[in-house]
């Protein structure tokens, strides 16, 4: 998810997406620890997306 897409979302949608992506990241990490993933770079992209969403949520809370 790109930063421009994140900025267009409402606060409720951001919180929803944040929870969704955070769960996907945890599931992917667990799956990778059991058996190696075909594309382990997915973990990195999900982690960065979660960080982008968290940053935007914090930014909007502080405004």
PDB file of N, CA and C in Angstrom:
ATOM      1  N   UNK A   1       0.848  -1.168   0.000  1.00  0.00           N
ATOM      2  CA  UNK A   1       0.000   0.000   0.000  1.00  0.00           C
ATOM      3  C   UNK A   1       0.897   1.236   0.000  1.00  0.00           C
ATOM      4  N   UNK A   2       0.637   2.130  -0.920  1.00  0.00           N
ATOM      5  CA  UNK A   2       1.472   3.319  -1.064  1.00  0.00           C
ATOM      6  C   UNK A   2       1.028   4.410  -0.096  1.00  0.00           C
ATOM      7  N   UNK A   3       1.933   5.331   0.177  1.00  0.00           N
ATOM      8  CA  UNK A   3       1.658   6.428   1.100  1.00  0.00           C
ATOM      9  C   UNK A   3       0.506   7.294   0.602  1.00  0.00           C
ATOM     10  N   UNK A   4       0.417   7.506  -0.703  1.00  0.00           N
ATOM     11  CA  UNK A   4      -0.659   8.321  -1.257  1.00  0.00           C
ATOM     12  C   UNK A   4      -2.020   7.659  -1.020  1.00  0.00           C
ATOM     13  N   UNK A   5      -2.075   6.337  -1.081  1.00  0.00           N
ATOM     14  CA  UNK A   5      -3.319   5.615  -0.804  1.00  0.00           C
ATOM     15  C   UNK A   5      -3.684   5.715   0.671  1.00  0.00           C
ATOM     16  N   UNK A   6      -2.684   5.683   1.524  1.00  0.00           N
ATOM     17  CA  UNK A   6      -2.913   5.732   2.966  1.00  0.00           C
ATOM     18  C   UNK A   6      -3.470   7.097   3.369  1.00  0.00           C
ATOM     19  N   UNK A   7      -2.960   8.159   2.780  1.00  0.00           N
ATOM     20  CA  UNK A   7      -3.406   9.505   3.129  1.00  0.00           C
ATOM     21  C   UNK A   7      -4.866   9.752   2.782  1.00  0.00           C
ATOM     22  N   UNK A   8      -5.390   9.018   1.800  1.00  0.00           N
ATOM     23  CA  UNK A   8      -6.780   9.208   1.378  1.00  0.00           C
ATOM     24  C   UNK A   8      -7.781   8.513   2.292  1.00  0.00           C
ATOM     25  N   UNK A   9      -7.320   7.587   3.130  1.00  0.00           N
ATOM     26  CA  UNK A   9      -8.218   6.823   3.989  1.00  0.00           C
ATOM     27  C   UNK A   9      -8.683   7.629   5.198  1.00  0.00           C
ATOM     28  N   UNK A  10      -9.862   7.288   5.706  1.00  0.00           N
ATOM     29  CA  UNK A  10     -10.346   7.915   6.929  1.00  0.00           C
ATOM     30  C   UNK A  10      -9.675   7.248   8.130  1.00  0.00           C
ATOM     31  N   UNK A  11      -9.858   7.823   9.311  1.00  0.00           N
ATOM     32  CA  UNK A  11      -9.225   7.290  10.510  1.00  0.00           C
ATOM     33  C   UNK A  11      -9.749   5.882  10.805  1.00  0.00           C
ATOM     34  N   UNK A  12     -11.057   5.679  10.628  1.00  0.00           N
ATOM     35  CA  UNK A  12     -11.644   4.360  10.886  1.00  0.00           C
ATOM     36  C   UNK A  12     -11.078   3.321   9.913  1.00  0.00           C
ATOM     37  N   UNK A  13     -10.978   3.698   8.653  1.00  0.00           N
ATOM     38  CA  UNK A  13     -10.438   2.789   7.646  1.00  0.00           C
ATOM     39  C   UNK A  13      -8.967   2.495   7.919  1.00  0.00           C
ATOM     40  N   UNK A  14      -8.231   3.499   8.395  1.00  0.00           N
ATOM     41  CA  UNK A  14      -6.823   3.296   8.740  1.00  0.00           C
ATOM     42  C   UNK A  14      -6.686   2.281   9.859  1.00  0.00           C
ATOM     43  N   UNK A  15      -7.506   2.423  10.884  1.00  0.00           N
ATOM     44  CA  UNK A  15      -7.441   1.498  12.019  1.00  0.00           C
ATOM     45  C   UNK A  15      -7.795   0.077  11.577  1.00  0.00           C
ATOM     46  N   UNK A  16      -8.775  -0.031  10.700  1.00  0.00           N
ATOM     47  CA  UNK A  16      -9.188  -1.330  10.168  1.00  0.00           C
ATOM     48  C   UNK A  16      -8.050  -1.987   9.379  1.00  0.00           C
ATOM     49  N   UNK A  17      -7.478  -1.226   8.469  1.00  0.00           N
ATOM     50  CA  UNK A  17      -6.387  -1.733   7.638  1.00  0.00           C
ATOM     51  C   UNK A  17      -5.180  -2.095   8.500  1.00  0.00           C
ATOM     52  N   UNK A  18      -4.911  -1.276   9.523  1.00  0.00           N
ATOM     53  CA  UNK A  18      -3.780  -1.520  10.415  1.00  0.00           C
ATOM     54  C   UNK A  18      -3.936  -2.877  11.091  1.00  0.00           C
ATOM     55  N   UNK A  19      -5.115  -3.143  11.641  1.00  0.00           N
ATOM     56  CA  UNK A  19      -5.357  -4.419  12.314  1.00  0.00           C
ATOM     57  C   UNK A  19      -5.253  -5.580  11.333  1.00  0.00           C
ATOM     58  N   UNK A  20      -5.800  -5.386  10.143  1.00  0.00           N
ATOM     59  CA  UNK A  20      -5.780  -6.433   9.121  1.00  0.00           C
ATOM     60  C   UNK A  20      -4.347  -6.778   8.705  1.00  0.00           C
ATOM     61  N   UNK A  21      -3.560  -5.753   8.389  1.00  0.00           N
ATOM     62  CA  UNK A  21      -2.194  -5.986   7.941  1.00  0.00           C
ATOM     63  C   UNK A  21      -1.310  -6.516   9.066  1.00  0.00           C
ATOM     64  N   UNK A  22      -1.559  -6.080  10.292  1.00  0.00           N
ATOM     65  CA  UNK A  22      -0.776  -6.561  11.423  1.00  0.00           C
ATOM     66  C   UNK A  22      -1.017  -8.054  11.633  1.00  0.00           C
ATOM     67  N   UNK A  23      -2.270  -8.487  11.479  1.00  0.00           N
ATOM     68  CA  UNK A  23      -2.592  -9.910  11.614  1.00  0.00           C
ATOM     69  C   UNK A  23      -1.955 -10.707  10.474  1.00  0.00           C
ATOM     70  N   UNK A  24      -2.023 -10.180   9.263  1.00  0.00           N
ATOM     71  CA  UNK A  24      -1.396 -10.860   8.116  1.00  0.00           C
ATOM     72  C   UNK A  24       0.108 -11.025   8.342  1.00  0.00           C
ATOM     73  N   UNK A  25       0.736  -9.988   8.883  1.00  0.00           N
ATOM     74  CA  UNK A  25       2.178 -10.028   9.139  1.00  0.00           C
ATOM     75  C   UNK A  25       2.509 -11.102  10.170  1.00  0.00           C
ATOM     76  N   UNK A  26       1.728 -11.160  11.244  1.00  0.00           N
ATOM     77  CA  UNK A  26       1.968 -12.166  12.275  1.00  0.00           C
ATOM     78  C   UNK A  26       1.769 -13.577  11.720  1.00  0.00           C
ATOM     79  N   UNK A  27       0.726 -13.759  10.927  1.00  0.00           N
ATOM     80  CA  UNK A  27       0.463 -15.070  10.326  1.00  0.00           C
ATOM     81  C   UNK A  27       1.585 -15.480   9.377  1.00  0.00           C
ATOM     82  N   UNK A  28       2.068 -14.526   8.598  1.00  0.00           N
ATOM     83  CA  UNK A  28       3.133 -14.816   7.643  1.00  0.00           C
ATOM     84  C   UNK A  28       4.431 -15.169   8.364  1.00  0.00           C
ATOM     85  N   UNK A  29       4.737 -14.460   9.442  1.00  0.00           N
ATOM     86  CA  UNK A  29       5.934 -14.764  10.208  1.00  0.00           C
ATOM     87  C   UNK A  29       5.856 -16.157  10.827  1.00  0.00           C
ATOM     88  N   UNK A  30       4.667 -16.509  11.323  1.00  0.00           N
ATOM     89  CA  UNK A  30       4.491 -17.829  11.918  1.00  0.00           C
ATOM     90  C   UNK A  30       4.651 -18.916  10.848  1.00  0.00           C
ATOM     91  N   UNK A  31       4.050 -18.706   9.695  1.00  0.00           N
ATOM     92  CA  UNK A  31       4.150 -19.676   8.607  1.00  0.00           C
ATOM     93  C   UNK A  31       5.603 -19.830   8.152  1.00  0.00           C
ATOM     94  N   UNK A  32       6.327 -18.739   8.143  1.00  0.00           N
ATOM     95  CA  UNK A  32       7.718 -18.778   7.704  1.00  0.00           C
ATOM     96  C   UNK A  32       8.599 -19.510   8.718  1.00  0.00           C
ATOM     97  N   UNK A  33       8.262 -19.414   9.987  1.00  0.00           N
ATOM     98  CA  UNK A  33       9.068 -20.106  10.990  1.00  0.00           C
ATOM     99  C   UNK A  33       8.848 -21.614  10.938  1.00  0.00           C
ATOM    100  N   UNK A  34       7.661 -22.035  10.512  1.00  0.00           N
ATOM    101  CA  UNK A  34       7.375 -23.465  10.403  1.00  0.00           C
ATOM    102  C   UNK A  34       7.989 -24.043   9.135  1.00  0.00           C
ATOM    103  N   UNK A  35       7.639 -23.451   8.004  1.00  0.00           N
ATOM    104  CA  UNK A  35       8.229 -23.873   6.729  1.00  0.00           C
ATOM    105  C   UNK A  35       8.604 -22.615   5.956  1.00  0.00           C
ATOM    106  N   UNK A  36       9.755 -22.594   5.343  1.00  0.00           N
ATOM    107  CA  UNK A  36      10.175 -21.390   4.608  1.00  0.00           C
ATOM    108  C   UNK A  36       9.179 -21.002   3.517  1.00  0.00           C
ATOM    109  N   UNK A  37       8.947 -19.700   3.416  1.00  0.00           N
ATOM    110  CA  UNK A  37       8.043 -19.190   2.389  1.00  0.00           C
ATOM    111  C   UNK A  37       8.722 -19.198   1.027  1.00  0.00           C
ATOM    112  N   UNK A  38       7.883 -19.246   0.004  1.00  0.00           N
ATOM    113  CA  UNK A  38       8.406 -19.176  -1.352  1.00  0.00           C
ATOM    114  C   UNK A  38       9.010 -17.796  -1.614  1.00  0.00           C
ATOM    115  N   UNK A  39       8.331 -16.763  -1.106  1.00  0.00           N
ATOM    116  CA  UNK A  39       8.796 -15.392  -1.293  1.00  0.00           C
ATOM    117  C   UNK A  39       8.876 -14.699   0.078  1.00  0.00           C
ATOM    118  N   UNK A  40      10.005 -14.809   0.771  1.00  0.00           N
ATOM    119  CA  UNK A  40      10.114 -14.207   2.106  1.00  0.00           C
ATOM    120  C   UNK A  40      10.121 -12.678   2.101  1.00  0.00           C
ATOM    121  N   UNK A  41      10.225 -12.063   0.940  1.00  0.00           N
ATOM    122  CA  UNK A  41      10.182 -10.598   0.881  1.00  0.00           C
ATOM    123  C   UNK A  41       8.797 -10.056   1.220  1.00  0.00           C
ATOM    124  N   UNK A  42       7.780 -10.929   1.187  1.00  0.00           N
ATOM    125  CA  UNK A  42       6.428 -10.520   1.577  1.00  0.00           C
ATOM    126  C   UNK A  42       6.422 -10.024   3.012  1.00  0.00           C
ATOM    127  N   UNK A  43       7.231 -10.640   3.863  1.00  0.00           N
ATOM    128  CA  UNK A  43       7.290 -10.243   5.275  1.00  0.00           C
ATOM    129  C   UNK A  43       7.758  -8.803   5.372  1.00  0.00           C
ATOM    130  N   UNK A  44       8.770  -8.454   4.603  1.00  0.00           N
ATOM    131  CA  UNK A  44       9.309  -7.096   4.652  1.00  0.00           C
ATOM    132  C   UNK A  44       8.281  -6.070   4.180  1.00  0.00           C
ATOM    133  N   UNK A  45       7.613  -6.363   3.077  1.00  0.00           N
ATOM    134  CA  UNK A  45       6.637  -5.397   2.557  1.00  0.00           C
ATOM    135  C   UNK A  45       5.472  -5.217   3.525  1.00  0.00           C
ATOM    136  N   UNK A  46       5.019  -6.307   4.142  1.00  0.00           N
ATOM    137  CA  UNK A  46       3.933  -6.186   5.114  1.00  0.00           C
ATOM    138  C   UNK A  46       4.380  -5.396   6.338  1.00  0.00           C
ATOM    139  N   UNK A  47       5.598  -5.659   6.812  1.00  0.00           N
ATOM    140  CA  UNK A  47       6.108  -4.943   7.976  1.00  0.00           C
ATOM    141  C   UNK A  47       6.175  -3.439   7.708  1.00  0.00           C
ATOM    142  N   UNK A  48       6.618  -3.085   6.512  1.00  0.00           N
ATOM    143  CA  UNK A  48       6.726  -1.663   6.161  1.00  0.00           C
ATOM    144  C   UNK A  48       5.349  -1.020   5.991  1.00  0.00           C
ATOM    145  N   UNK A  49       4.398  -1.778   5.452  1.00  0.00           N
ATOM    146  CA  UNK A  49       3.039  -1.258   5.313  1.00  0.00           C
ATOM    147  C   UNK A  49       2.427  -1.014   6.679  1.00  0.00           C
ATOM    148  N   UNK A  50       2.639  -1.937   7.611  1.00  0.00           N
ATOM    149  CA  UNK A  50       2.139  -1.774   8.974  1.00  0.00           C
ATOM    150  C   UNK A  50       2.755  -0.521   9.597  1.00  0.00           C
ATOM    151  N   UNK A  51       4.026  -0.309   9.379  1.00  0.00           N
ATOM    152  CA  UNK A  51       4.700   0.868   9.929  1.00  0.00           C
ATOM    153  C   UNK A  51       4.145   2.156   9.320  1.00  0.00           C
ATOM    154  N   UNK A  52       3.867   2.146   8.020  1.00  0.00           N
ATOM    155  CA  UNK A  52       3.286   3.330   7.377  1.00  0.00           C
ATOM    156  C   UNK A  52       1.916   3.656   7.950  1.00  0.00           C
ATOM    157  N   UNK A  53       1.102   2.611   8.141  1.00  0.00           N
ATOM    158  CA  UNK A  53      -0.237   2.818   8.696  1.00  0.00           C
ATOM    159  C   UNK A  53      -0.154   3.328  10.132  1.00  0.00           C
ATOM    160  N   UNK A  54       0.735   2.770  10.925  1.00  0.00           N
ATOM    161  CA  UNK A  54       0.893   3.205  12.308  1.00  0.00           C
ATOM    162  C   UNK A  54       1.359   4.654  12.373  1.00  0.00           C
ATOM    163  N   UNK A  55       2.272   5.016  11.494  1.00  0.00           N
ATOM    164  CA  UNK A  55       2.764   6.392  11.459  1.00  0.00           C
ATOM    165  C   UNK A  55       1.648   7.366  11.118  1.00  0.00           C
ATOM    166  N   UNK A  56       0.838   7.026  10.138  1.00  0.00           N
ATOM    167  CA  UNK A  56      -0.257   7.907   9.733  1.00  0.00           C
ATOM    168  C   UNK A  56      -1.299   8.019  10.843  1.00  0.00           C
ATOM    169  N   UNK A  57      -1.591   6.921  11.524  1.00  0.00           N
ATOM    170  CA  UNK A  57      -2.542   6.953  12.637  1.00  0.00           C
ATOM    171  C   UNK A  57      -2.037   7.874  13.749  1.00  0.00           C
ATOM    172  N   UNK A  58      -0.768   7.738  14.096  1.00  0.00           N
ATOM    173  CA  UNK A  58      -0.177   8.577  15.137  1.00  0.00           C
ATOM    174  C   UNK A  58      -0.168  10.037  14.722  1.00  0.00           C
ATOM    175  N   UNK A  59       0.139  10.296  13.483  1.00  0.00           N
ATOM    176  CA  UNK A  59       0.170  11.664  12.962  1.00  0.00           C
ATOM    177  C   UNK A  59      -1.203  12.319  13.072  1.00  0.00           C
ATOM    178  N   UNK A  60      -2.241  11.565  12.734  1.00  0.00           N
ATOM    179  CA  UNK A  60      -3.592  12.118  12.790  1.00  0.00           C
ATOM    180  C   UNK A  60      -4.082  12.289  14.222  1.00  0.00           C
ATOM    181  N   UNK A  61      -3.650  11.423  15.135  1.00  0.00           N
ATOM    182  CA  UNK A  61      -4.038  11.560  16.542  1.00  0.00           C
ATOM    183  C   UNK A  61      -3.421  12.814  17.152  1.00  0.00           C
ATOM    184  N   UNK A  62      -2.214  13.157  16.723  1.00  0.00           N
ATOM    185  CA  UNK A  62      -1.508  14.294  17.300  1.00  0.00           C
ATOM    186  C   UNK A  62      -1.985  15.636  16.738  1.00  0.00           C
ATOM    187  N   UNK A  63      -2.757  15.600  15.686  1.00  0.00           N
ATOM    188  CA  UNK A  63      -3.224  16.859  15.093  1.00  0.00           C
ATOM    189  C   UNK A  63      -4.418  17.420  15.826  1.00  0.00           C
TER     190      UNK A  63
END
